């Protein structure tokens, strides 16, 4: 009588993983740039003493993420796949940071009574 083999969870194909990661990058980049444009940050002149320096980091990071997506789909090298994965993790952390900030604001905001 044969012993049953250990069940392994189904794995996504590398091409499907890369597609999902690419979609995450492009959606996140579009959302961040929409935030930067509607907030007026990209339409106004930037100064280095701006207290909201996070916007500069986002404005630099998002094009790098999008260029990495394009480079991966053009060349499909293992290095670019690893870069894409690492940048995706950073995108998720950025999104989590925005979500935590919004939740903290909603939970701690008290309207002023006249």
PDB file of N, CA and C in Angstrom:
ATOM      1  N   UNK A   1       0.841  -1.171   0.000  1.00  0.00           N
ATOM      2  CA  UNK A   1       0.000   0.000   0.000  1.00  0.00           C
ATOM      3  C   UNK A   1       0.890   1.239   0.000  1.00  0.00           C
ATOM      4  N   UNK A   2       0.655   2.136  -0.942  1.00  0.00           N
ATOM      5  CA  UNK A   2       1.465   3.349  -1.073  1.00  0.00           C
ATOM      6  C   UNK A   2       1.038   4.393  -0.062  1.00  0.00           C
ATOM      7  N   UNK A   3       2.044   5.062   0.452  1.00  0.00           N
ATOM      8  CA  UNK A   3       1.788   6.153   1.391  1.00  0.00           C
ATOM      9  C   UNK A   3       1.398   7.401   0.591  1.00  0.00           C
ATOM     10  N   UNK A   4       0.402   8.159   1.075  1.00  0.00           N
ATOM     11  CA  UNK A   4       0.032   9.383   0.334  1.00  0.00           C
ATOM     12  C   UNK A   4       1.153  10.414   0.416  1.00  0.00           C
ATOM     13  N   UNK A   5       1.378  11.056  -0.701  1.00  0.00           N
ATOM     14  CA  UNK A   5       2.378  12.124  -0.735  1.00  0.00           C
ATOM     15  C   UNK A   5       1.831  13.353  -0.022  1.00  0.00           C
ATOM     16  N   UNK A   6       2.745  14.127   0.507  1.00  0.00           N
ATOM     17  CA  UNK A   6       2.324  15.352   1.181  1.00  0.00           C
ATOM     18  C   UNK A   6       1.638  16.266   0.178  1.00  0.00           C
ATOM     19  N   UNK A   7       0.579  16.864   0.638  1.00  0.00           N
ATOM     20  CA  UNK A   7      -0.148  17.780  -0.246  1.00  0.00           C
ATOM     21  C   UNK A   7       0.556  19.126  -0.239  1.00  0.00           C
ATOM     22  N   UNK A   8       0.816  19.609  -1.403  1.00  0.00           N
ATOM     23  CA  UNK A   8       1.432  20.924  -1.535  1.00  0.00           C
ATOM     24  C   UNK A   8       0.395  21.894  -2.070  1.00  0.00           C
ATOM     25  N   UNK A   9       0.423  23.120  -1.562  1.00  0.00           N
ATOM     26  CA  UNK A   9      -0.544  24.100  -2.058  1.00  0.00           C
ATOM     27  C   UNK A   9      -0.255  24.412  -3.527  1.00  0.00           C
ATOM     28  N   UNK A  10      -1.292  24.732  -4.269  1.00  0.00           N
ATOM     29  CA  UNK A  10      -1.058  25.074  -5.676  1.00  0.00           C
ATOM     30  C   UNK A  10      -0.199  26.325  -5.785  1.00  0.00           C
ATOM     31  N   UNK A  11       0.701  26.313  -6.721  1.00  0.00           N
ATOM     32  CA  UNK A  11       1.622  27.441  -6.896  1.00  0.00           C
ATOM     33  C   UNK A  11       1.246  28.210  -8.153  1.00  0.00           C
ATOM     34  N   UNK A  12       1.450  29.502  -8.067  1.00  0.00           N
ATOM     35  CA  UNK A  12       1.220  30.351  -9.238  1.00  0.00           C
ATOM     36  C   UNK A  12       2.411  30.235 -10.177  1.00  0.00           C
ATOM     37  N   UNK A  13       2.141  30.317 -11.443  1.00  0.00           N
ATOM     38  CA  UNK A  13       3.237  30.289 -12.403  1.00  0.00           C
ATOM     39  C   UNK A  13       4.017  31.596 -12.296  1.00  0.00           C
ATOM     40  N   UNK A  14       5.307  31.566 -12.625  1.00  0.00           N
ATOM     41  CA  UNK A  14       6.106  32.810 -12.548  1.00  0.00           C
ATOM     42  C   UNK A  14       5.535  33.943 -13.411  1.00  0.00           C
ATOM     43  N   UNK A  15       4.975  33.583 -14.561  1.00  0.00           N
ATOM     44  CA  UNK A  15       4.416  34.619 -15.434  1.00  0.00           C
ATOM     45  C   UNK A  15       3.190  35.264 -14.785  1.00  0.00           C
ATOM     46  N   UNK A  16       2.364  34.458 -14.115  1.00  0.00           N
ATOM     47  CA  UNK A  16       1.193  35.001 -13.436  1.00  0.00           C
ATOM     48  C   UNK A  16       1.605  35.864 -12.245  1.00  0.00           C
ATOM     49  N   UNK A  17       2.626  35.427 -11.501  1.00  0.00           N
ATOM     50  CA  UNK A  17       3.140  36.230 -10.384  1.00  0.00           C
ATOM     51  C   UNK A  17       3.642  37.580 -10.885  1.00  0.00           C
ATOM     52  N   UNK A  18       4.407  37.551 -11.957  1.00  0.00           N
ATOM     53  CA  UNK A  18       4.946  38.795 -12.518  1.00  0.00           C
ATOM     54  C   UNK A  18       3.819  39.710 -12.997  1.00  0.00           C
ATOM     55  N   UNK A  19       2.776  39.127 -13.549  1.00  0.00           N
ATOM     56  CA  UNK A  19       1.639  39.923 -14.006  1.00  0.00           C
ATOM     57  C   UNK A  19       0.937  40.583 -12.824  1.00  0.00           C
ATOM     58  N   UNK A  20       0.714  39.818 -11.755  1.00  0.00           N
ATOM     59  CA  UNK A  20       0.052  40.369 -10.569  1.00  0.00           C
ATOM     60  C   UNK A  20       0.901  41.484  -9.956  1.00  0.00           C
ATOM     61  N   UNK A  21       2.204  41.247  -9.836  1.00  0.00           N
ATOM     62  CA  UNK A  21       3.101  42.262  -9.271  1.00  0.00           C
ATOM     63  C   UNK A  21       3.107  43.512 -10.149  1.00  0.00           C
ATOM     64  N   UNK A  22       3.107  43.329 -11.469  1.00  0.00           N
ATOM     65  CA  UNK A  22       3.099  44.475 -12.378  1.00  0.00           C
ATOM     66  C   UNK A  22       1.823  45.288 -12.235  1.00  0.00           C
ATOM     67  N   UNK A  23       0.698  44.601 -12.096  1.00  0.00           N
ATOM     68  CA  UNK A  23      -0.574  45.306 -11.925  1.00  0.00           C
ATOM     69  C   UNK A  23      -0.562  46.091 -10.610  1.00  0.00           C
ATOM     70  N   UNK A  24      -0.032  45.487  -9.542  1.00  0.00           N
ATOM     71  CA  UNK A  24       0.067  46.195  -8.267  1.00  0.00           C
ATOM     72  C   UNK A  24       0.896  47.467  -8.431  1.00  0.00           C
ATOM     73  N   UNK A  25       2.037  47.354  -9.129  1.00  0.00           N
ATOM     74  CA  UNK A  25       2.887  48.527  -9.353  1.00  0.00           C
ATOM     75  C   UNK A  25       2.152  49.622 -10.113  1.00  0.00           C
ATOM     76  N   UNK A  26       1.505  49.257 -11.188  1.00  0.00           N
ATOM     77  CA  UNK A  26       0.881  50.269 -12.040  1.00  0.00           C
ATOM     78  C   UNK A  26      -0.314  50.925 -11.354  1.00  0.00           C
ATOM     79  N   UNK A  27      -1.109  50.143 -10.626  1.00  0.00           N
ATOM     80  CA  UNK A  27      -2.252  50.718  -9.913  1.00  0.00           C
ATOM     81  C   UNK A  27      -1.763  51.629  -8.788  1.00  0.00           C
ATOM     82  N   UNK A  28      -0.762  51.180  -8.044  1.00  0.00           N
ATOM     83  CA  UNK A  28      -0.233  51.997  -6.948  1.00  0.00           C
ATOM     84  C   UNK A  28       0.395  53.284  -7.480  1.00  0.00           C
ATOM     85  N   UNK A  29       1.150  53.189  -8.566  1.00  0.00           N
ATOM     86  CA  UNK A  29       1.785  54.383  -9.130  1.00  0.00           C
ATOM     87  C   UNK A  29       0.733  55.376  -9.618  1.00  0.00           C
ATOM     88  N   UNK A  30      -0.314  54.882 -10.261  1.00  0.00           N
ATOM     89  CA  UNK A  30      -1.379  55.768 -10.728  1.00  0.00           C
ATOM     90  C   UNK A  30      -2.078  56.443  -9.547  1.00  0.00           C
ATOM     91  N   UNK A  31      -2.329  55.683  -8.481  1.00  0.00           N
ATOM     92  CA  UNK A  31      -2.998  56.248  -7.306  1.00  0.00           C
ATOM     93  C   UNK A  31      -2.126  57.300  -6.636  1.00  0.00           C
ATOM     94  N   UNK A  32      -0.841  57.023  -6.498  1.00  0.00           N
ATOM     95  CA  UNK A  32       0.061  57.975  -5.840  1.00  0.00           C
ATOM     96  C   UNK A  32       0.197  59.238  -6.677  1.00  0.00           C
ATOM     97  N   UNK A  33       0.356  59.099  -7.991  1.00  0.00           N
ATOM     98  CA  UNK A  33       0.487  60.301  -8.815  1.00  0.00           C
ATOM     99  C   UNK A  33      -0.813  61.087  -8.861  1.00  0.00           C
ATOM    100  N   UNK A  34      -1.953  60.406  -8.781  1.00  0.00           N
ATOM    101  CA  UNK A  34      -3.226  61.119  -8.690  1.00  0.00           C
ATOM    102  C   UNK A  34      -3.259  61.927  -7.393  1.00  0.00           C
ATOM    103  N   UNK A  35      -2.800  61.321  -6.311  1.00  0.00           N
ATOM    104  CA  UNK A  35      -2.728  62.022  -5.024  1.00  0.00           C
ATOM    105  C   UNK A  35      -1.788  63.229  -5.125  1.00  0.00           C
ATOM    106  N   UNK A  36      -0.631  63.050  -5.751  1.00  0.00           N
ATOM    107  CA  UNK A  36       0.326  64.158  -5.854  1.00  0.00           C
ATOM    108  C   UNK A  36      -0.216  65.288  -6.727  1.00  0.00           C
ATOM    109  N   UNK A  37      -0.926  64.941  -7.798  1.00  0.00           N
ATOM    110  CA  UNK A  37      -1.456  65.970  -8.701  1.00  0.00           C
ATOM    111  C   UNK A  37      -2.639  66.683  -8.056  1.00  0.00           C
ATOM    112  N   UNK A  38      -3.594  65.933  -7.490  1.00  0.00           N
ATOM    113  CA  UNK A  38      -4.771  66.584  -6.901  1.00  0.00           C
ATOM    114  C   UNK A  38      -4.416  67.352  -5.636  1.00  0.00           C
ATOM    115  N   UNK A  39      -3.352  66.935  -4.965  1.00  0.00           N
ATOM    116  CA  UNK A  39      -2.916  67.669  -3.785  1.00  0.00           C
ATOM    117  C   UNK A  39      -2.158  68.933  -4.129  1.00  0.00           C
ATOM    118  N   UNK A  40      -1.865  69.130  -5.405  1.00  0.00           N
ATOM    119  CA  UNK A  40      -1.175  70.335  -5.839  1.00  0.00           C
ATOM    120  C   UNK A  40       0.334  70.258  -5.719  1.00  0.00           C
ATOM    121  N   UNK A  41       0.856  69.115  -5.265  1.00  0.00           N
ATOM    122  CA  UNK A  41       2.289  69.040  -5.021  1.00  0.00           C
ATOM    123  C   UNK A  41       3.078  69.054  -6.315  1.00  0.00           C
ATOM    124  N   UNK A  42       2.603  68.393  -7.356  1.00  0.00           N
ATOM    125  CA  UNK A  42       3.341  68.378  -8.622  1.00  0.00           C
ATOM    126  C   UNK A  42       3.105  69.633  -9.448  1.00  0.00           C
ATOM    127  N   UNK A  43       2.048  70.363  -9.152  1.00  0.00           N
ATOM    128  CA  UNK A  43       1.753  71.558  -9.947  1.00  0.00           C
ATOM    129  C   UNK A  43       2.396  72.809  -9.372  1.00  0.00           C
ATOM    130  N   UNK A  44       2.844  72.755  -8.127  1.00  0.00           N
ATOM    131  CA  UNK A  44       3.504  73.908  -7.510  1.00  0.00           C
ATOM    132  C   UNK A  44       5.012  73.718  -7.535  1.00  0.00           C
ATOM    133  N   UNK A  45       5.727  74.824  -7.318  1.00  0.00           N
ATOM    134  CA  UNK A  45       7.186  74.750  -7.276  1.00  0.00           C
ATOM    135  C   UNK A  45       7.601  74.099  -5.966  1.00  0.00           C
ATOM    136  N   UNK A  46       8.478  73.110  -6.039  1.00  0.00           N
ATOM    137  CA  UNK A  46       8.921  72.386  -4.848  1.00  0.00           C
ATOM    138  C   UNK A  46      10.121  73.081  -4.236  1.00  0.00           C
ATOM    139  N   UNK A  47      10.154  73.127  -2.907  1.00  0.00           N
ATOM    140  CA  UNK A  47      11.288  73.677  -2.170  1.00  0.00           C
ATOM    141  C   UNK A  47      11.817  72.608  -1.228  1.00  0.00           C
ATOM    142  N   UNK A  48      13.118  72.547  -1.058  1.00  0.00           N
ATOM    143  CA  UNK A  48      13.706  71.511  -0.220  1.00  0.00           C
ATOM    144  C   UNK A  48      13.349  71.652   1.255  1.00  0.00           C
ATOM    145  N   UNK A  49      12.921  72.816   1.682  1.00  0.00           N
ATOM    146  CA  UNK A  49      12.524  72.969   3.079  1.00  0.00           C
ATOM    147  C   UNK A  49      11.040  72.671   3.285  1.00  0.00           C
ATOM    148  N   UNK A  50      10.412  72.046   2.300  1.00  0.00           N
ATOM    149  CA  UNK A  50       9.015  71.638   2.398  1.00  0.00           C
ATOM    150  C   UNK A  50       8.876  70.624   3.531  1.00  0.00           C
ATOM    151  N   UNK A  51       7.966  70.860   4.480  1.00  0.00           N
ATOM    152  CA  UNK A  51       7.837  69.921   5.596  1.00  0.00           C
ATOM    153  C   UNK A  51       7.283  68.563   5.168  1.00  0.00           C
ATOM    154  N   UNK A  52       6.669  68.490   4.024  1.00  0.00           N
ATOM    155  CA  UNK A  52       6.094  67.237   3.557  1.00  0.00           C
ATOM    156  C   UNK A  52       7.041  66.573   2.556  1.00  0.00           C
ATOM    157  N   UNK A  53       8.208  66.173   3.036  1.00  0.00           N
ATOM    158  CA  UNK A  53       9.250  65.594   2.185  1.00  0.00           C
ATOM    159  C   UNK A  53       8.862  64.215   1.663  1.00  0.00           C
ATOM    160  N   UNK A  54       7.851  63.608   2.257  1.00  0.00           N
ATOM    161  CA  UNK A  54       7.394  62.292   1.814  1.00  0.00           C
ATOM    162  C   UNK A  54       6.968  62.352   0.343  1.00  0.00           C
ATOM    163  N   UNK A  55       6.394  63.477  -0.057  1.00  0.00           N
ATOM    164  CA  UNK A  55       5.961  63.612  -1.447  1.00  0.00           C
ATOM    165  C   UNK A  55       7.135  63.504  -2.417  1.00  0.00           C
ATOM    166  N   UNK A  56       8.284  64.040  -2.032  1.00  0.00           N
ATOM    167  CA  UNK A  56       9.466  63.932  -2.888  1.00  0.00           C
ATOM    168  C   UNK A  56       9.880  62.471  -3.033  1.00  0.00           C
ATOM    169  N   UNK A  57       9.878  61.737  -1.937  1.00  0.00           N
ATOM    170  CA  UNK A  57      10.233  60.321  -1.994  1.00  0.00           C
ATOM    171  C   UNK A  57       9.261  59.558  -2.887  1.00  0.00           C
ATOM    172  N   UNK A  58       7.980  59.859  -2.785  1.00  0.00           N
ATOM    173  CA  UNK A  58       6.988  59.195  -3.635  1.00  0.00           C
ATOM    174  C   UNK A  58       7.174  59.571  -5.103  1.00  0.00           C
ATOM    175  N   UNK A  59       7.445  60.838  -5.365  1.00  0.00           N
ATOM    176  CA  UNK A  59       7.619  61.291  -6.746  1.00  0.00           C
ATOM    177  C   UNK A  59       8.855  60.673  -7.385  1.00  0.00           C
ATOM    178  N   UNK A  60       9.846  60.306  -6.579  1.00  0.00           N
ATOM    179  CA  UNK A  60      11.047  59.651  -7.110  1.00  0.00           C
ATOM    180  C   UNK A  60      10.842  58.143  -7.219  1.00  0.00           C
ATOM    181  N   UNK A  61      10.199  57.535  -6.220  1.00  0.00           N
ATOM    182  CA  UNK A  61      10.058  56.082  -6.170  1.00  0.00           C
ATOM    183  C   UNK A  61       9.120  55.542  -7.250  1.00  0.00           C
ATOM    184  N   UNK A  62       7.994  56.189  -7.471  1.00  0.00           N
ATOM    185  CA  UNK A  62       6.989  55.645  -8.383  1.00  0.00           C
ATOM    186  C   UNK A  62       7.489  55.502  -9.830  1.00  0.00           C
ATOM    187  N   UNK A  63       8.205  56.482 -10.395  1.00  0.00           N
ATOM    188  CA  UNK A  63       8.733  56.259 -11.750  1.00  0.00           C
ATOM    189  C   UNK A  63       9.743  55.106 -11.798  1.00  0.00           C
ATOM    190  N   UNK A  64      10.528  54.936 -10.736  1.00  0.00           N
ATOM    191  CA  UNK A  64      11.470  53.811 -10.692  1.00  0.00           C
ATOM    192  C   UNK A  64      10.708  52.495 -10.726  1.00  0.00           C
ATOM    193  N   UNK A  65       9.607  52.417  -9.992  1.00  0.00           N
ATOM    194  CA  UNK A  65       8.795  51.201  -9.975  1.00  0.00           C
ATOM    195  C   UNK A  65       8.196  50.920 -11.347  1.00  0.00           C
ATOM    196  N   UNK A  66       7.699  51.943 -12.005  1.00  0.00           N
ATOM    197  CA  UNK A  66       7.086  51.747 -13.324  1.00  0.00           C
ATOM    198  C   UNK A  66       8.150  51.368 -14.360  1.00  0.00           C
ATOM    199  N   UNK A  67       9.303  52.009 -14.301  1.00  0.00           N
ATOM    200  CA  UNK A  67      10.388  51.659 -15.231  1.00  0.00           C
ATOM    201  C   UNK A  67      10.855  50.225 -14.991  1.00  0.00           C
ATOM    202  N   UNK A  68      10.856  49.777 -13.739  1.00  0.00           N
ATOM    203  CA  UNK A  68      11.249  48.389 -13.469  1.00  0.00           C
ATOM    204  C   UNK A  68      10.239  47.412 -14.059  1.00  0.00           C
ATOM    205  N   UNK A  69       8.962  47.763 -14.047  1.00  0.00           N
ATOM    206  CA  UNK A  69       7.937  46.912 -14.681  1.00  0.00           C
ATOM    207  C   UNK A  69       8.197  46.822 -16.179  1.00  0.00           C
ATOM    208  N   UNK A  70       8.435  47.952 -16.795  1.00  0.00           N
ATOM    209  CA  UNK A  70       8.695  47.967 -18.248  1.00  0.00           C
ATOM    210  C   UNK A  70       9.954  47.183 -18.572  1.00  0.00           C
ATOM    211  N   UNK A  71      11.017  47.387 -17.785  1.00  0.00           N
ATOM    212  CA  UNK A  71      12.276  46.669 -18.036  1.00  0.00           C
ATOM    213  C   UNK A  71      12.092  45.168 -17.871  1.00  0.00           C
ATOM    214  N   UNK A  72      11.322  44.761 -16.868  1.00  0.00           N
ATOM    215  CA  UNK A  72      11.118  43.316 -16.682  1.00  0.00           C
ATOM    216  C   UNK A  72      10.413  42.711 -17.883  1.00  0.00           C
ATOM    217  N   UNK A  73       9.361  43.356 -18.351  1.00  0.00           N
ATOM    218  CA  UNK A  73       8.603  42.767 -19.461  1.00  0.00           C
ATOM    219  C   UNK A  73       9.366  42.842 -20.780  1.00  0.00           C
ATOM    220  N   UNK A  74      10.331  43.735 -20.901  1.00  0.00           N
ATOM    221  CA  UNK A  74      11.151  43.773 -22.109  1.00  0.00           C
ATOM    222  C   UNK A  74      12.261  42.726 -22.091  1.00  0.00           C
ATOM    223  N   UNK A  75      12.931  42.563 -20.928  1.00  0.00           N
ATOM    224  CA  UNK A  75      14.124  41.712 -20.876  1.00  0.00           C
ATOM    225  C   UNK A  75      13.926  40.403 -20.118  1.00  0.00           C
ATOM    226  N   UNK A  76      13.012  40.348 -19.177  1.00  0.00           N
ATOM    227  CA  UNK A  76      12.687  39.156 -18.378  1.00  0.00           C
ATOM    228  C   UNK A  76      13.902  38.458 -17.791  1.00  0.00           C
ATOM    229  N   UNK A  77      14.694  39.201 -17.075  1.00  0.00           N
ATOM    230  CA  UNK A  77      15.868  38.662 -16.380  1.00  0.00           C
ATOM    231  C   UNK A  77      15.497  38.352 -14.926  1.00  0.00           C
ATOM    232  N   UNK A  78      16.145  37.347 -14.325  1.00  0.00           N
ATOM    233  CA  UNK A  78      15.861  37.032 -12.918  1.00  0.00           C
ATOM    234  C   UNK A  78      16.127  38.210 -11.975  1.00  0.00           C
ATOM    235  N   UNK A  79      17.169  38.987 -12.272  1.00  0.00           N
ATOM    236  CA  UNK A  79      17.464  40.161 -11.446  1.00  0.00           C
ATOM    237  C   UNK A  79      16.294  41.140 -11.454  1.00  0.00           C
ATOM    238  N   UNK A  80      15.718  41.363 -12.622  1.00  0.00           N
ATOM    239  CA  UNK A  80      14.603  42.300 -12.723  1.00  0.00           C
ATOM    240  C   UNK A  80      13.367  41.767 -12.017  1.00  0.00           C
ATOM    241  N   UNK A  81      13.176  40.446 -12.029  1.00  0.00           N
ATOM    242  CA  UNK A  81      12.051  39.856 -11.302  1.00  0.00           C
ATOM    243  C   UNK A  81      12.231  40.064  -9.797  1.00  0.00           C
ATOM    244  N   UNK A  82      13.445  39.867  -9.293  1.00  0.00           N
ATOM    245  CA  UNK A  82      13.706  40.109  -7.873  1.00  0.00           C
ATOM    246  C   UNK A  82      13.496  41.582  -7.532  1.00  0.00           C
ATOM    247  N   UNK A  83      13.990  42.464  -8.392  1.00  0.00           N
ATOM    248  CA  UNK A  83      13.790  43.899  -8.179  1.00  0.00           C
ATOM    249  C   UNK A  83      12.304  44.237  -8.152  1.00  0.00           C
ATOM    250  N   UNK A  84      11.557  43.677  -9.076  1.00  0.00           N
ATOM    251  CA  UNK A  84      10.117  43.891  -9.144  1.00  0.00           C
ATOM    252  C   UNK A  84       9.443  43.424  -7.857  1.00  0.00           C
ATOM    253  N   UNK A  85       9.866  42.278  -7.332  1.00  0.00           N
ATOM    254  CA  UNK A  85       9.285  41.736  -6.102  1.00  0.00           C
ATOM    255  C   UNK A  85       9.609  42.625  -4.906  1.00  0.00           C
ATOM    256  N   UNK A  86      10.847  43.073  -4.804  1.00  0.00           N
ATOM    257  CA  UNK A  86      11.247  43.931  -3.694  1.00  0.00           C
ATOM    258  C   UNK A  86      10.499  45.266  -3.757  1.00  0.00           C
ATOM    259  N   UNK A  87      10.406  45.839  -4.941  1.00  0.00           N
ATOM    260  CA  UNK A  87       9.692  47.110  -5.082  1.00  0.00           C
ATOM    261  C   UNK A  87       8.206  46.936  -4.799  1.00  0.00           C
ATOM    262  N   UNK A  88       7.660  45.758  -5.101  1.00  0.00           N
ATOM    263  CA  UNK A  88       6.255  45.489  -4.795  1.00  0.00           C
ATOM    264  C   UNK A  88       6.037  45.477  -3.282  1.00  0.00           C
ATOM    265  N   UNK A  89       6.959  44.886  -2.568  1.00  0.00           N
ATOM    266  CA  UNK A  89       6.877  44.897  -1.107  1.00  0.00           C
ATOM    267  C   UNK A  89       6.912  46.332  -0.578  1.00  0.00           C
ATOM    268  N   UNK A  90       7.764  47.151  -1.161  1.00  0.00           N
ATOM    269  CA  UNK A  90       7.830  48.557  -0.753  1.00  0.00           C
ATOM    270  C   UNK A  90       6.520  49.273  -1.086  1.00  0.00           C
ATOM    271  N   UNK A  91       5.941  48.961  -2.264  1.00  0.00           N
ATOM    272  CA  UNK A  91       4.645  49.554  -2.633  1.00  0.00           C
ATOM    273  C   UNK A  91       3.574  49.188  -1.614  1.00  0.00           C
ATOM    274  N   UNK A  92       3.569  47.928  -1.180  1.00  0.00           N
ATOM    275  CA  UNK A  92       2.577  47.481  -0.200  1.00  0.00           C
ATOM    276  C   UNK A  92       2.788  48.200   1.128  1.00  0.00           C
ATOM    277  N   UNK A  93       4.053  48.397   1.521  1.00  0.00           N
ATOM    278  CA  UNK A  93       4.332  49.136   2.757  1.00  0.00           C
ATOM    279  C   UNK A  93       3.881  50.587   2.655  1.00  0.00           C
ATOM    280  N   UNK A  94       4.088  51.208   1.499  1.00  0.00           N
ATOM    281  CA  UNK A  94       3.639  52.588   1.292  1.00  0.00           C
ATOM    282  C   UNK A  94       2.118  52.658   1.394  1.00  0.00           C
ATOM    283  N   UNK A  95       1.426  51.737   0.731  1.00  0.00           N
ATOM    284  CA  UNK A  95      -0.029  51.697   0.799  1.00  0.00           C
ATOM    285  C   UNK A  95      -0.531  51.467   2.210  1.00  0.00           C
ATOM    286  N   UNK A  96       0.147  50.587   2.949  1.00  0.00           N
ATOM    287  CA  UNK A  96      -0.227  50.334   4.349  1.00  0.00           C
ATOM    288  C   UNK A  96      -0.029  51.587   5.195  1.00  0.00           C
ATOM    289  N   UNK A  97       1.043  52.316   4.926  1.00  0.00           N
ATOM    290  CA  UNK A  97       1.286  53.561   5.653  1.00  0.00           C
ATOM    291  C   UNK A  97       0.183  54.577   5.423  1.00  0.00           C
ATOM    292  N   UNK A  98      -0.245  54.723   4.174  1.00  0.00           N
ATOM    293  CA  UNK A  98      -1.351  55.634   3.881  1.00  0.00           C
ATOM    294  C   UNK A  98      -2.621  55.184   4.582  1.00  0.00           C
ATOM    295  N   UNK A  99      -2.889  53.885   4.540  1.00  0.00           N
ATOM    296  CA  UNK A  99      -4.093  53.355   5.179  1.00  0.00           C
ATOM    297  C   UNK A  99      -4.066  53.588   6.692  1.00  0.00           C
ATOM    298  N   UNK A 100      -2.938  53.339   7.327  1.00  0.00           N
ATOM    299  CA  UNK A 100      -2.814  53.560   8.770  1.00  0.00           C
ATOM    300  C   UNK A 100      -2.993  55.039   9.099  1.00  0.00           C
ATOM    301  N   UNK A 101      -2.399  55.910   8.290  1.00  0.00           N
ATOM    302  CA  UNK A 101      -2.540  57.348   8.519  1.00  0.00           C
ATOM    303  C   UNK A 101      -4.002  57.774   8.430  1.00  0.00           C
ATOM    304  N   UNK A 102      -4.695  57.308   7.407  1.00  0.00           N
ATOM    305  CA  UNK A 102      -6.105  57.668   7.225  1.00  0.00           C
ATOM    306  C   UNK A 102      -6.946  57.114   8.375  1.00  0.00           C
ATOM    307  N   UNK A 103      -6.694  55.863   8.776  1.00  0.00           N
ATOM    308  CA  UNK A 103      -7.448  55.277   9.877  1.00  0.00           C
ATOM    309  C   UNK A 103      -7.204  56.018  11.189  1.00  0.00           C
ATOM    310  N   UNK A 104      -5.953  56.380  11.460  1.00  0.00           N
ATOM    311  CA  UNK A 104      -5.667  57.144  12.673  1.00  0.00           C
ATOM    312  C   UNK A 104      -6.372  58.497  12.659  1.00  0.00           C
ATOM    313  N   UNK A 105      -6.397  59.128  11.489  1.00  0.00           N
ATOM    314  CA  UNK A 105      -7.086  60.402  11.377  1.00  0.00           C
ATOM    315  C   UNK A 105      -8.577  60.234  11.639  1.00  0.00           C
ATOM    316  N   UNK A 106      -9.180  59.237  11.031  1.00  0.00           N
ATOM    317  CA  UNK A 106     -10.620  59.016  11.187  1.00  0.00           C
ATOM    318  C   UNK A 106     -10.961  58.670  12.636  1.00  0.00           C
ATOM    319  N   UNK A 107     -10.134  57.852  13.266  1.00  0.00           N
ATOM    320  CA  UNK A 107     -10.429  57.414  14.628  1.00  0.00           C
ATOM    321  C   UNK A 107     -10.169  58.491  15.679  1.00  0.00           C
ATOM    322  N   UNK A 108      -9.281  59.427  15.402  1.00  0.00           N
ATOM    323  CA  UNK A 108      -8.946  60.436  16.411  1.00  0.00           C
ATOM    324  C   UNK A 108      -9.516  61.819  16.123  1.00  0.00           C
ATOM    325  N   UNK A 109     -10.193  61.995  15.014  1.00  0.00           N
ATOM    326  CA  UNK A 109     -10.713  63.309  14.659  1.00  0.00           C
ATOM    327  C   UNK A 109     -11.979  63.607  15.450  1.00  0.00           C
ATOM    328  N   UNK A 110     -12.026  64.787  16.032  1.00  0.00           N
ATOM    329  CA  UNK A 110     -13.217  65.239  16.768  1.00  0.00           C
ATOM    330  C   UNK A 110     -13.625  66.567  16.160  1.00  0.00           C
ATOM    331  N   UNK A 111     -14.859  66.665  15.686  1.00  0.00           N
ATOM    332  CA  UNK A 111     -15.298  67.953  15.131  1.00  0.00           C
ATOM    333  C   UNK A 111     -15.407  68.992  16.245  1.00  0.00           C
ATOM    334  N   UNK A 112     -15.032  70.199  15.904  1.00  0.00           N
ATOM    335  CA  UNK A 112     -15.122  71.300  16.884  1.00  0.00           C
ATOM    336  C   UNK A 112     -16.566  71.779  16.942  1.00  0.00           C
ATOM    337  N   UNK A 113     -17.034  71.918  18.142  1.00  0.00           N
ATOM    338  CA  UNK A 113     -18.378  72.434  18.332  1.00  0.00           C
ATOM    339  C   UNK A 113     -18.284  73.937  18.578  1.00  0.00           C
ATOM    340  N   UNK A 114     -19.178  74.695  17.998  1.00  0.00           N
ATOM    341  CA  UNK A 114     -19.140  76.146  18.169  1.00  0.00           C
ATOM    342  C   UNK A 114     -19.687  76.567  19.475  1.00  0.00           C
TER     343      UNK A 114
END
